C-alpha atoms as a PDB file:
ATOM      1  CA  MET A   1     105.740 106.169 106.966  1.00  0.00           C
ATOM      2  CA  THR A   2     102.913 103.843 107.459  1.00  0.00           C
ATOM      3  CA  LEU A   3     101.186 102.198 104.621  1.00  0.00           C
ATOM      4  CA  ARG A   4      98.280 104.728 105.108  1.00  0.00           C
ATOM      5  CA  ASP A   5     100.504 107.632 105.120  1.00  0.00           C
ATOM      6  CA  LYS A   6     102.168 106.432 101.995  1.00  0.00           C
ATOM      7  CA  ARG A   7      98.628 105.711 100.190  1.00  0.00           C
ATOM      8  CA  ILE A   8      97.761 109.677 101.576  1.00  0.00           C
ATOM      9  CA  VAL A   9     101.050 110.998  99.921  1.00  0.00           C
ATOM     10  CA  ALA A  10     100.055 109.315  96.555  1.00  0.00           C
ATOM     11  CA  GLY A  11      96.776 110.615  96.521  1.00  0.00           C
ATOM     12  CA  LEU A  12      98.184 114.210  97.342  1.00  0.00           C
ATOM     13  CA  TYR A  13     100.968 113.623  94.422  1.00  0.00           C
ATOM     14  CA  PHE A  14      98.254 112.856  91.948  1.00  0.00           C
ATOM     15  CA  SER A  15      96.108 115.802  93.084  1.00  0.00           C
ATOM     16  CA  LYS A  16      98.731 118.276  92.691  1.00  0.00           C
ATOM     17  CA  PHE A  17     100.517 117.227  89.312  1.00  0.00           C
ATOM     18  CA  ASP A  18      97.718 115.369  87.690  1.00  0.00           C
ATOM     19  CA  GLN A  19      98.323 114.058  84.253  1.00  0.00           C
ATOM     20  CA  GLU A  20     101.776 115.402  84.396  1.00  0.00           C
ATOM     21  CA  GLY A  21     102.305 113.036  87.544  1.00  0.00           C
ATOM     22  CA  LEU A  22     100.862 110.271  85.793  1.00  0.00           C
ATOM     23  CA  ALA A  23     103.253 110.524  82.791  1.00  0.00           C
ATOM     24  CA  LYS A  24     106.347 111.092  85.122  1.00  0.00           C
ATOM     25  CA  LEU A  25     105.625 107.628  86.884  1.00  0.00           C
ATOM     26  CA  GLY A  26     104.940 106.068  83.384  1.00  0.00           C
ATOM     27  CA  PHE A  27     101.245 105.679  83.904  1.00  0.00           C
ATOM     28  CA  THR A  28      98.562 106.082  81.103  1.00  0.00           C
ATOM     29  CA  SER A  29      95.487 106.561  83.174  1.00  0.00           C
ATOM     30  CA  PHE A  30      94.585 107.020  86.513  1.00  0.00           C
ATOM     31  CA  LYS A  31      92.748 103.876  86.717  1.00  0.00           C
ATOM     32  CA  GLU A  32      96.107 101.966  86.066  1.00  0.00           C
ATOM     33  CA  ALA A  33      97.975 104.118  88.666  1.00  0.00           C
ATOM     34  CA  PHE A  34      95.212 103.677  91.133  1.00  0.00           C
ATOM     35  CA  ASN A  35      95.373  99.729  90.674  1.00  0.00           C
ATOM     36  CA  ALA A  36      99.178  99.512  90.825  1.00  0.00           C
ATOM     37  CA  LEU A  37      99.739 101.767  93.741  1.00  0.00           C
ATOM     38  CA  GLY A  38      96.667 100.620  95.584  1.00  0.00           C
ATOM     39  CA  TYR A  39      97.542  97.131  95.892  1.00  0.00           C
ATOM     40  CA  ALA A  40     101.290  97.984  95.797  1.00  0.00           C
ATOM     41  CA  LEU A  41     100.650  99.650  99.087  1.00  0.00           C
ATOM     42  CA  GLU A  42      98.544  97.029 100.398  1.00  0.00           C
ATOM     43  CA  GLY A  43      95.057  98.967 100.093  1.00  0.00           C
ATOM     44  CA  GLU A  44      92.720  99.073  97.414  1.00  0.00           C
ATOM     45  CA  PRO A  45      92.494 100.999  94.203  1.00  0.00           C
ATOM     46  CA  ARG A  46      89.747 103.326  95.470  1.00  0.00           C
ATOM     47  CA  SER A  47      92.087 104.119  98.510  1.00  0.00           C
ATOM     48  CA  ILE A  48      94.241 106.286  96.212  1.00  0.00           C
ATOM     49  CA  ARG A  49      91.570 107.816  94.403  1.00  0.00           C
ATOM     50  CA  ASN A  50      89.629 109.104  97.712  1.00  0.00           C
ATOM     51  CA  TYR A  51      92.751 110.446  98.854  1.00  0.00           C
ATOM     52  CA  ARG A  52      93.364 112.109  95.599  1.00  0.00           C
ATOM     53  CA  ASP A  53      89.717 113.429  95.664  1.00  0.00           C
ATOM     54  CA  GLU A  54      90.159 114.739  99.040  1.00  0.00           C
ATOM     55  CA  PHE A  55      93.210 117.160  98.203  1.00  0.00           C
ATOM     56  CA  ASP A  56      91.536 118.276  94.717  1.00  0.00           C
ATOM     57  CA  PRO A  57      89.695 121.223  96.111  1.00  0.00           C
ATOM     58  CA  LEU A  58      93.384 122.626  97.090  1.00  0.00           C
ATOM     59  CA  PHE A  59      94.742 122.612  93.445  1.00  0.00           C
ATOM     60  CA  PRO A  60      93.558 123.731  89.964  1.00  0.00           C
ATOM     61  CA  ASN A  61      92.653 120.817  88.220  1.00  0.00           C
ATOM     62  CA  PRO A  62      89.459 119.883  86.286  1.00  0.00           C
ATOM     63  CA  ARG A  63      87.962 117.835  89.156  1.00  0.00           C
ATOM     64  CA  LYS A  64      86.072 119.228  92.129  1.00  0.00           C
ATOM     65  CA  GLY A  65      86.814 116.531  94.223  1.00  0.00           C
ATOM     66  CA  TRP A  66      85.566 116.555  97.553  1.00  0.00           C
ATOM     67  CA  GLU A  67      84.992 120.325  97.754  1.00  0.00           C
ATOM     68  CA  ASN A  68      81.992 120.154 100.389  1.00  0.00           C
ATOM     69  CA  ARG A  69      83.648 117.957 102.703  1.00  0.00           C
ATOM     70  CA  PRO A  70      86.254 119.463 105.199  1.00  0.00           C
ATOM     71  CA  ARG A  71      90.035 117.741 104.729  1.00  0.00           C
ATOM     72  CA  ARG A  72      90.912 115.575 107.398  1.00  0.00           C
ATOM     73  CA  LYS A  73      93.676 116.693 110.237  1.00  0.00           C
ATOM     74  CA  TYR A  74      96.186 113.881 109.177  1.00  0.00           C
ATOM     75  CA  CYS A  75      95.820 114.934 105.627  1.00  0.00           C
ATOM     76  CA  LEU A  76      96.628 118.262 105.973  1.00  0.00           C
ATOM     77  CA  GLU A  77      99.638 117.435 108.000  1.00  0.00           C
ATOM     78  CA  TRP A  78     100.789 115.543 104.984  1.00  0.00           C
ATOM     79  CA  MET A  79      99.919 118.251 102.866  1.00  0.00           C
ATOM     80  CA  ASP A  80     101.976 120.951 105.025  1.00  0.00           C
ATOM     81  CA  ARG A  81     105.095 118.397 104.741  1.00  0.00           C
ATOM     82  CA  CYS A  82     104.669 117.239 101.122  1.00  0.00           C
ATOM     83  CA  GLY A  83     102.865 120.093  99.217  1.00  0.00           C
ATOM     84  CA  GLY A  84     105.870 122.038  98.290  1.00  0.00           C
ATOM     85  CA  LEU A  85     107.932 119.386  96.675  1.00  0.00           C
ATOM     86  CA  SER A  86     108.544 119.636  92.787  1.00  0.00           C
ATOM     87  CA  LEU A  87     107.686 117.237  90.395  1.00  0.00           C
ATOM     88  CA  SER A  88     111.028 115.556  90.417  1.00  0.00           C
ATOM     89  CA  GLU A  89     111.274 115.587  94.120  1.00  0.00           C
ATOM     90  CA  PHE A  90     107.711 114.096  94.659  1.00  0.00           C
ATOM     91  CA  SER A  91     108.041 111.598  92.093  1.00  0.00           C
ATOM     92  CA  GLY A  92     111.163 110.428  93.771  1.00  0.00           C
ATOM     93  CA  LEU A  93     109.487 110.150  97.080  1.00  0.00           C
ATOM     94  CA  VAL A  94     106.651 107.995  95.890  1.00  0.00           C
ATOM     95  CA  THR A  95     108.844 105.885  93.943  1.00  0.00           C
ATOM     96  CA  ALA A  96     111.043 105.437  96.988  1.00  0.00           C
ATOM     97  CA  PHE A  97     108.183 103.886  98.658  1.00  0.00           C
ATOM     98  CA  PHE A  98     109.123 100.518  97.027  1.00  0.00           C
ATOM     99  CA  GLU A  99     113.006 100.935  97.155  1.00  0.00           C
ATOM    100  CA  VAL A 100     114.069 102.047 100.333  1.00  0.00           C
ATOM    101  CA  PRO A 101     112.634 101.050 103.923  1.00  0.00           C
ATOM    102  CA  VAL A 102     113.332 104.711 105.556  1.00  0.00           C
ATOM    103  CA  LEU A 103     113.776 108.015 104.177  1.00  0.00           C
ATOM    104  CA  THR A 104     116.014 110.137 106.636  1.00  0.00           C
ATOM    105  CA  ASP A 105     114.788 113.484 104.844  1.00  0.00           C
ATOM    106  CA  ILE A 106     111.754 113.801 102.989  1.00  0.00           C
ATOM    107  CA  ARG A 107     113.795 116.170 100.659  1.00  0.00           C
ATOM    108  CA  GLU A 108     116.641 114.122 100.231  1.00  0.00           C
ATOM    109  CA  VAL A 109     115.486 112.060  97.257  1.00  0.00           C
ATOM    110  CA  SER A 110     117.779 111.339  94.046  1.00  0.00           C
ATOM    111  CA  ASP A 111     115.934 112.396  90.291  1.00  0.00           C
ATOM    112  CA  ASN A 112     117.666 109.465  89.414  1.00  0.00           C
ATOM    113  CA  LEU A 113     115.211 106.978  91.093  1.00  0.00           C
ATOM    114  CA  ILE A 114     112.817 107.977  88.108  1.00  0.00           C
ATOM    115  CA  ASP A 115     113.400 106.570  84.491  1.00  0.00           C
ATOM    116  CA  THR A 116     110.925 108.288  82.476  1.00  0.00           C
ATOM    117  CA  GLU A 117     111.990 107.055  79.178  1.00  0.00           C
ATOM    118  CA  ASN A 118     112.029 102.988  80.291  1.00  0.00           C
ATOM    119  CA  ALA A 119     109.104 103.854  82.920  1.00  0.00           C
ATOM    120  CA  LEU A 120     111.215 101.452  85.302  1.00  0.00           C
ATOM    121  CA  ALA A 121     108.862 103.184  88.234  1.00  0.00           C
ATOM    122  CA  ARG A 122     105.630 101.836  86.643  1.00  0.00           C
ATOM    123  CA  ARG A 123     107.215  98.336  85.859  1.00  0.00           C
ATOM    124  CA  PHE A 124     108.334  97.949  89.396  1.00  0.00           C
ATOM    125  CA  ILE A 125     105.196  99.468  91.195  1.00  0.00           C
ATOM    126  CA  THR A 126     103.152  97.068  88.819  1.00  0.00           C
ATOM    127  CA  GLY A 127     105.223  94.265  90.074  1.00  0.00           C
ATOM    128  CA  ARG A 128     104.464  94.905  93.265  1.00  0.00           C
ATOM    129  CA  ALA A 129     100.883  95.418  92.857  1.00  0.00           C
ATOM    130  CA  ALA A 130     100.616  92.202  90.894  1.00  0.00           C
ATOM    131  CA  GLU A 131     102.302  90.233  93.759  1.00  0.00           C
ATOM    132  CA  ARG A 132     100.016  91.860  96.429  1.00  0.00           C
ATOM    133  CA  TYR A 133      96.967  91.127  94.199  1.00  0.00           C
ATOM    134  CA  PHE A 134      97.779  87.604  94.100  1.00  0.00           C
ATOM    135  CA  GLN A 135      98.620  87.425  97.701  1.00  0.00           C
ATOM    136  CA  THR A 136      94.951  88.660  98.568  1.00  0.00           C
ATOM    137  CA  ARG A 137      93.149  86.932  95.821  1.00  0.00           C
ATOM    138  CA  PHE A 138      95.013  83.678  95.161  1.00  0.00           C
ATOM    139  CA  ARG A 139      91.910  81.769  97.047  1.00  0.00           C
ATOM    140  CA  GLU A 140      89.482  83.037  94.658  1.00  0.00           C
ATOM    141  CA  ILE A 141      91.222  80.419  91.981  1.00  0.00           C
ATOM    142  CA  ASN A 142      89.154  77.348  92.442  1.00  0.00           C
ATOM    143  CA  CYS A 143      92.502  75.008  92.425  1.00  0.00           C
ATOM    144  CA  PHE A 144      94.146  77.014  94.958  1.00  0.00           C
ATOM    145  CA  GLY A 145      91.301  77.240  97.609  1.00  0.00           C
ATOM    146  CA  ASP A 146      92.761  74.804  99.708  1.00  0.00           C
ATOM    147  CA  PHE A 147      96.394  75.729  99.838  1.00  0.00           C
ATOM    148  CA  GLU A 148      98.469  77.888 102.129  1.00  0.00           C
ATOM    149  CA  LEU A 149     100.701  80.722 100.930  1.00  0.00           C
ATOM    150  CA  GLU A 150     104.279  81.645 102.061  1.00  0.00           C
ATOM    151  CA  ASP A 151     105.416  84.753 100.896  1.00  0.00           C
ATOM    152  CA  THR A 152     109.272  84.267  99.289  1.00  0.00           C
ATOM    153  CA  THR A 153     109.537  87.775  97.636  1.00  0.00           C
ATOM    154  CA  LEU A 154     112.521  88.581  99.950  1.00  0.00           C
ATOM    155  CA  GLN A 155     114.468  85.209  99.808  1.00  0.00           C
ATOM    156  CA  GLY A 156     115.644  85.548  96.382  1.00  0.00           C
ATOM    157  CA  CYS A 157     114.753  81.907  95.633  1.00  0.00           C
ATOM    158  CA  GLY A 158     113.620  82.656  92.253  1.00  0.00           C
ATOM    159  CA  TYR A 159     109.835  82.795  92.394  1.00  0.00           C
ATOM    160  CA  ASP A 160     107.415  84.996  94.900  1.00  0.00           C
ATOM    161  CA  PHE A 161     105.411  82.612  96.674  1.00  0.00           C
ATOM    162  CA  ARG A 162     105.266  78.880  97.660  1.00  0.00           C
ATOM    163  CA  LEU A 163     101.490  77.230  97.678  1.00  0.00           C
ATOM    164  CA  TRP A 164     101.424  74.226 100.139  1.00  0.00           C
ATOM    165  CA  PRO A 165      98.611  71.664  99.562  1.00  0.00           C
ATOM    166  CA  ARG A 166      97.305  69.809 102.521  1.00  0.00           C
ATOM    167  CA  SER A 167     100.410  67.351 102.410  1.00  0.00           C
ATOM    168  CA  PRO A 168     103.407  69.062 103.425  1.00  0.00           C
ATOM    169  CA  GLU A 169     105.664  66.889 101.181  1.00  0.00           C
ATOM    170  CA  ASP A 170     105.369  69.143  98.126  1.00  0.00           C
ATOM    171  CA  PHE A 171     104.485  72.694  96.822  1.00  0.00           C
ATOM    172  CA  LEU A 172     103.676  74.826  94.023  1.00  0.00           C
ATOM    173  CA  ALA A 173     106.213  77.694  93.086  1.00  0.00           C
ATOM    174  CA  VAL A 174     104.588  80.811  91.970  1.00  0.00           C
ATOM    175  CA  GLU A 175     106.086  83.577  90.267  1.00  0.00           C
ATOM    176  CA  VAL A 176     104.065  86.750  89.618  1.00  0.00           C
ATOM    177  CA  LYS A 177     104.135  88.856  86.423  1.00  0.00           C
ATOM    178  CA  GLY A 178     102.187  92.031  85.835  1.00  0.00           C
ATOM    179  CA  LEU A 179     100.764  93.165  82.514  1.00  0.00           C
ATOM    180  CA  LYS A 180      99.699  96.545  81.607  1.00  0.00           C
ATOM    181  CA  ASP A 181      97.160  95.014  79.047  1.00  0.00           C
ATOM    182  CA  ARG A 182      95.027  91.807  78.987  1.00  0.00           C
ATOM    183  CA  ARG A 183      97.805  90.106  76.791  1.00  0.00           C
ATOM    184  CA  GLY A 184     101.137  90.584  76.119  1.00  0.00           C
ATOM    185  CA  SER A 185     104.712  89.218  76.668  1.00  0.00           C
ATOM    186  CA  ILE A 186     106.537  88.824  80.072  1.00  0.00           C
ATOM    187  CA  SER A 187     110.335  88.959  80.853  1.00  0.00           C
ATOM    188  CA  MET A 188     112.184  86.694  83.122  1.00  0.00           C
ATOM    189  CA  THR A 189     115.617  86.712  84.858  1.00  0.00           C
ATOM    190  CA  ASN A 190     118.221  84.024  84.405  1.00  0.00           C
ATOM    191  CA  LYS A 191     117.361  82.786  87.932  1.00  0.00           C
ATOM    192  CA  GLU A 192     113.357  82.894  87.406  1.00  0.00           C
ATOM    193  CA  PHE A 193     113.944  81.032  84.004  1.00  0.00           C
ATOM    194  CA  GLN A 194     116.461  78.427  85.681  1.00  0.00           C
ATOM    195  CA  THR A 195     114.271  77.891  88.779  1.00  0.00           C
ATOM    196  CA  ALA A 196     111.284  77.305  86.428  1.00  0.00           C
ATOM    197  CA  LYS A 197     113.217  74.598  84.686  1.00  0.00           C
ATOM    198  CA  ASP A 198     114.343  72.966  87.795  1.00  0.00           C
ATOM    199  CA  TYR A 199     111.050  72.793  88.937  1.00  0.00           C
ATOM    200  CA  ALA A 200     109.346  71.842  85.747  1.00  0.00           C
ATOM    201  CA  ILE A 201     107.059  68.626  85.678  1.00  0.00           C
ATOM    202  CA  ASP A 202     107.102  66.310  82.803  1.00  0.00           C
ATOM    203  CA  LEU A 203     103.374  66.228  81.730  1.00  0.00           C
ATOM    204  CA  THR A 204     104.480  63.906  78.644  1.00  0.00           C
ATOM    205  CA  SER A 205     105.173  60.667  80.711  1.00  0.00           C
END
């Protein structure tokens, strides 16, 4: 699947299952889901919403969607492939976008990928979305405008990005955390906490 394919399938999921689909993934609103999945799938939130709206006339939900526009061929192809999935199967598929690189069979997805009690799926997707948001918008933060970014999310080094200033001798280590609300607490792994201590700057001297 390409990233565009995944955005199409996410839109199809929300059109078919509506509020039930939101709850299954641990989201409380479409805005929250579109923001998280849009950025996590390297697109914009409106891309997920637009695909949902395109599929809406095909399902019984309170929205009319794009009822006066024909469905695009490549969207209908995903409807044929995924439209018959159950809520558990489809939720597992969407979550698997962020956990496995390849699915050999679109129907071979374990229900265990979704933990509705602890909303692990939402937290994981939101974390990926926060990383992607920072990656695409960091230059809008004035103090980072002249920095170059290196993605270290897959290196296991205890932080997500290195920001390199013009002088190559030093860098800033950045760990990105996502929040559902405007304020709240964050959690850190032992490695993240120890790395933060190791890189700490003494501002008192």
